[in-house]
Amino acid sequence: MAVGLEVVASNIASFLSNLAPIISLSLILLGGILYGVAQTQPPDTRGKWQTAAISMFIGGVIVGAIAGAAVFIQEQSSGLLKPV
């Protein structure tokens, strides 16, 4: 049973590590496009559009940073589970 669970967890981790860069780049690009479109809006709605665009951009950067550091995070967290 544990072997099956390990395989499932490994497959999920592999899927997410392959998907994270795509999500990161998509958020960054869509944030940039939305920020550009926000410049064409009237002043009363421009702030809302810019806020959404910057949030998407920052979210993409955070996802990219976590995806880039995933191997290091995995090594450090697995070291915490070993007996001393």
N, C-alpha and C. Protein backbone atom coordinates (compact mmCIF):
# COMPACT_ATOMS: atom_id res chain seq x y z
N MET A 1 0.82 -1.20 0.00
CA MET A 1 0.00 0.00 0.00
C MET A 1 0.87 1.26 0.00
N ALA A 2 1.95 1.22 0.76
CA ALA A 2 2.81 2.40 0.84
C ALA A 2 3.50 2.67 -0.49
N VAL A 3 3.82 1.62 -1.22
CA VAL A 3 4.48 1.80 -2.50
C VAL A 3 3.54 2.50 -3.48
N GLY A 4 2.27 2.09 -3.49
CA GLY A 4 1.30 2.74 -4.37
C GLY A 4 1.12 4.20 -4.03
N LEU A 5 1.07 4.51 -2.75
CA LEU A 5 0.93 5.90 -2.31
C LEU A 5 2.16 6.72 -2.68
N GLU A 6 3.32 6.10 -2.59
CA GLU A 6 4.56 6.80 -2.95
C GLU A 6 4.59 7.12 -4.45
N VAL A 7 4.12 6.18 -5.25
CA VAL A 7 4.08 6.39 -6.69
C VAL A 7 3.10 7.51 -7.04
N VAL A 8 1.93 7.51 -6.42
CA VAL A 8 0.94 8.55 -6.66
C VAL A 8 1.49 9.92 -6.27
N ALA A 9 2.11 9.99 -5.10
CA ALA A 9 2.69 11.27 -4.64
C ALA A 9 3.80 11.73 -5.57
N SER A 10 4.60 10.81 -6.05
CA SER A 10 5.68 11.16 -6.97
C SER A 10 5.12 11.66 -8.30
N ASN A 11 4.06 11.03 -8.78
CA ASN A 11 3.43 11.48 -10.03
C ASN A 11 2.82 12.86 -9.89
N ILE A 12 2.19 13.12 -8.76
CA ILE A 12 1.60 14.44 -8.52
C ILE A 12 2.70 15.50 -8.46
N ALA A 13 3.80 15.20 -7.77
CA ALA A 13 4.91 16.15 -7.67
C ALA A 13 5.52 16.42 -9.04
N SER A 14 5.66 15.39 -9.84
CA SER A 14 6.21 15.57 -11.18
C SER A 14 5.29 16.42 -12.05
N PHE A 15 4.00 16.16 -11.97
CA PHE A 15 3.02 16.93 -12.74
C PHE A 15 3.06 18.40 -12.34
N LEU A 16 3.08 18.67 -11.05
CA LEU A 16 3.07 20.06 -10.59
C LEU A 16 4.38 20.78 -10.93
N SER A 17 5.50 20.07 -10.87
CA SER A 17 6.76 20.74 -11.22
C SER A 17 6.86 21.00 -12.71
N ASN A 18 6.16 20.23 -13.53
CA ASN A 18 6.12 20.53 -14.96
C ASN A 18 5.12 21.63 -15.28
N LEU A 19 4.09 21.77 -14.48
CA LEU A 19 3.04 22.75 -14.73
C LEU A 19 3.38 24.14 -14.18
N ALA A 20 4.19 24.21 -13.14
CA ALA A 20 4.49 25.48 -12.48
C ALA A 20 5.12 26.53 -13.39
N PRO A 21 6.12 26.20 -14.21
CA PRO A 21 6.68 27.23 -15.09
C PRO A 21 5.67 27.77 -16.11
N ILE A 22 4.79 26.90 -16.58
CA ILE A 22 3.76 27.34 -17.53
C ILE A 22 2.81 28.32 -16.87
N ILE A 23 2.39 28.00 -15.66
CA ILE A 23 1.49 28.90 -14.91
C ILE A 23 2.20 30.21 -14.62
N SER A 24 3.47 30.14 -14.22
CA SER A 24 4.22 31.34 -13.89
C SER A 24 4.34 32.28 -15.09
N LEU A 25 4.76 31.73 -16.22
CA LEU A 25 4.90 32.57 -17.42
C LEU A 25 3.56 33.11 -17.89
N SER A 26 2.52 32.30 -17.78
CA SER A 26 1.19 32.75 -18.19
C SER A 26 0.72 33.92 -17.33
N LEU A 27 0.92 33.81 -16.02
CA LEU A 27 0.51 34.91 -15.14
C LEU A 27 1.30 36.18 -15.41
N ILE A 28 2.60 36.05 -15.64
CA ILE A 28 3.42 37.22 -15.90
C ILE A 28 3.01 37.88 -17.21
N LEU A 29 2.82 37.08 -18.27
CA LEU A 29 2.43 37.64 -19.56
C LEU A 29 1.03 38.26 -19.51
N LEU A 30 0.08 37.57 -18.91
CA LEU A 30 -1.27 38.11 -18.83
C LEU A 30 -1.32 39.37 -17.96
N GLY A 31 -0.50 39.39 -16.92
CA GLY A 31 -0.41 40.60 -16.09
C GLY A 31 0.12 41.78 -16.88
N GLY A 32 1.14 41.54 -17.71
CA GLY A 32 1.68 42.61 -18.54
C GLY A 32 0.69 43.10 -19.58
N ILE A 33 -0.03 42.17 -20.19
CA ILE A 33 -1.05 42.56 -21.18
C ILE A 33 -2.16 43.35 -20.51
N LEU A 34 -2.61 42.87 -19.35
CA LEU A 34 -3.68 43.56 -18.63
C LEU A 34 -3.24 44.95 -18.18
N TYR A 35 -1.98 45.07 -17.79
CA TYR A 35 -1.48 46.39 -17.38
C TYR A 35 -1.48 47.35 -18.57
N GLY A 36 -1.10 46.84 -19.74
CA GLY A 36 -1.13 47.67 -20.94
C GLY A 36 -2.54 48.07 -21.32
N VAL A 37 -3.48 47.15 -21.21
CA VAL A 37 -4.87 47.46 -21.52
C VAL A 37 -5.43 48.46 -20.50
N ALA A 38 -4.95 48.38 -19.27
CA ALA A 38 -5.44 49.29 -18.23
C ALA A 38 -5.12 50.74 -18.56
N GLN A 39 -4.05 50.96 -19.30
CA GLN A 39 -3.69 52.33 -19.65
C GLN A 39 -4.69 52.97 -20.60
N THR A 40 -5.50 52.17 -21.27
CA THR A 40 -6.50 52.71 -22.19
C THR A 40 -7.83 52.98 -21.50
N GLN A 41 -7.95 52.61 -20.24
CA GLN A 41 -9.22 52.75 -19.52
C GLN A 41 -9.35 54.16 -18.92
N PRO A 42 -10.59 54.56 -18.64
CA PRO A 42 -10.78 55.83 -17.95
C PRO A 42 -10.18 55.78 -16.54
N PRO A 43 -9.85 56.94 -16.00
CA PRO A 43 -9.15 56.95 -14.70
C PRO A 43 -9.90 56.26 -13.56
N ASP A 44 -11.22 56.25 -13.59
CA ASP A 44 -11.93 55.65 -12.47
C ASP A 44 -11.84 54.12 -12.45
N THR A 45 -11.60 53.48 -13.58
CA THR A 45 -11.45 52.02 -13.60
C THR A 45 -10.01 51.58 -13.80
N ARG A 46 -9.14 52.49 -14.14
CA ARG A 46 -7.73 52.14 -14.40
C ARG A 46 -7.07 51.52 -13.18
N GLY A 47 -7.36 52.05 -12.01
CA GLY A 47 -6.74 51.54 -10.78
C GLY A 47 -7.10 50.09 -10.51
N LYS A 48 -8.35 49.72 -10.76
CA LYS A 48 -8.77 48.34 -10.54
C LYS A 48 -8.05 47.39 -11.51
N TRP A 49 -7.94 47.81 -12.75
CA TRP A 49 -7.25 46.99 -13.75
C TRP A 49 -5.77 46.87 -13.42
N GLN A 50 -5.16 47.97 -13.00
CA GLN A 50 -3.73 47.93 -12.67
C GLN A 50 -3.48 47.06 -11.44
N THR A 51 -4.39 47.12 -10.47
CA THR A 51 -4.25 46.27 -9.29
C THR A 51 -4.31 44.80 -9.66
N ALA A 52 -5.25 44.44 -10.52
CA ALA A 52 -5.36 43.05 -10.96
C ALA A 52 -4.11 42.64 -11.74
N ALA A 53 -3.60 43.52 -12.59
CA ALA A 53 -2.42 43.20 -13.40
C ALA A 53 -1.19 43.00 -12.52
N ILE A 54 -0.97 43.88 -11.58
CA ILE A 54 0.19 43.75 -10.69
C ILE A 54 0.06 42.50 -9.83
N SER A 55 -1.16 42.17 -9.39
CA SER A 55 -1.36 40.96 -8.60
C SER A 55 -1.03 39.72 -9.41
N MET A 56 -1.42 39.71 -10.69
CA MET A 56 -1.09 38.57 -11.55
C MET A 56 0.42 38.47 -11.76
N PHE A 57 1.07 39.60 -11.97
CA PHE A 57 2.51 39.61 -12.18
C PHE A 57 3.25 39.08 -10.94
N ILE A 58 2.87 39.58 -9.77
CA ILE A 58 3.52 39.14 -8.53
C ILE A 58 3.23 37.67 -8.26
N GLY A 59 2.01 37.23 -8.55
CA GLY A 59 1.68 35.81 -8.40
C GLY A 59 2.55 34.94 -9.28
N GLY A 60 2.78 35.38 -10.51
CA GLY A 60 3.64 34.63 -11.42
C GLY A 60 5.07 34.55 -10.92
N VAL A 61 5.57 35.65 -10.37
CA VAL A 61 6.93 35.66 -9.83
C VAL A 61 7.03 34.72 -8.62
N ILE A 62 6.01 34.73 -7.76
CA ILE A 62 6.03 33.86 -6.58
C ILE A 62 5.97 32.39 -6.99
N VAL A 63 5.10 32.05 -7.94
CA VAL A 63 5.02 30.67 -8.41
C VAL A 63 6.35 30.25 -9.03
N GLY A 64 6.97 31.14 -9.80
CA GLY A 64 8.27 30.83 -10.40
C GLY A 64 9.35 30.62 -9.35
N ALA A 65 9.33 31.45 -8.31
CA ALA A 65 10.34 31.30 -7.26
C ALA A 65 10.16 29.99 -6.49
N ILE A 66 8.92 29.64 -6.21
CA ILE A 66 8.67 28.38 -5.51
C ILE A 66 9.04 27.20 -6.39
N ALA A 67 8.70 27.27 -7.68
CA ALA A 67 9.05 26.18 -8.59
C ALA A 67 10.57 26.05 -8.73
N GLY A 68 11.27 27.16 -8.76
CA GLY A 68 12.72 27.12 -8.86
C GLY A 68 13.40 26.58 -7.62
N ALA A 69 12.79 26.82 -6.47
CA ALA A 69 13.38 26.38 -5.22
C ALA A 69 12.79 25.06 -4.73
N ALA A 70 11.96 24.41 -5.54
CA ALA A 70 11.25 23.21 -5.09
C ALA A 70 12.20 22.09 -4.70
N VAL A 71 13.25 21.90 -5.47
CA VAL A 71 14.19 20.82 -5.16
C VAL A 71 14.89 21.09 -3.83
N PHE A 72 15.31 22.33 -3.62
CA PHE A 72 15.95 22.69 -2.35
C PHE A 72 14.99 22.53 -1.18
N ILE A 73 13.75 22.96 -1.36
CA ILE A 73 12.74 22.82 -0.30
C ILE A 73 12.50 21.35 0.01
N GLN A 74 12.44 20.52 -1.04
CA GLN A 74 12.22 19.08 -0.84
C GLN A 74 13.38 18.45 -0.07
N GLU A 75 14.60 18.80 -0.42
CA GLU A 75 15.76 18.23 0.27
C GLU A 75 15.80 18.65 1.73
N GLN A 76 15.51 19.92 1.99
CA GLN A 76 15.54 20.40 3.36
C GLN A 76 14.42 19.78 4.20
N SER A 77 13.24 19.64 3.64
CA SER A 77 12.13 19.09 4.41
C SER A 77 12.29 17.60 4.63
N SER A 78 12.87 16.88 3.67
CA SER A 78 13.09 15.45 3.88
C SER A 78 14.18 15.20 4.91
N GLY A 79 15.11 16.12 5.04
CA GLY A 79 16.14 15.99 6.07
C GLY A 79 15.59 16.16 7.47
N LEU A 80 14.47 16.85 7.59
CA LEU A 80 13.87 17.03 8.91
C LEU A 80 13.21 15.76 9.41
N LEU A 81 12.85 14.85 8.52
CA LEU A 81 12.15 13.64 8.92
C LEU A 81 13.09 12.51 9.29
N LYS A 82 14.38 12.65 9.03
CA LYS A 82 15.33 11.58 9.37
C LYS A 82 15.66 11.63 10.85
N PRO A 83 15.81 10.45 11.45
CA PRO A 83 16.19 10.44 12.87
C PRO A 83 17.62 10.95 13.06
N VAL A 84 17.86 11.53 14.18
CA VAL A 84 19.17 12.12 14.47
C VAL A 84 20.09 11.09 15.06
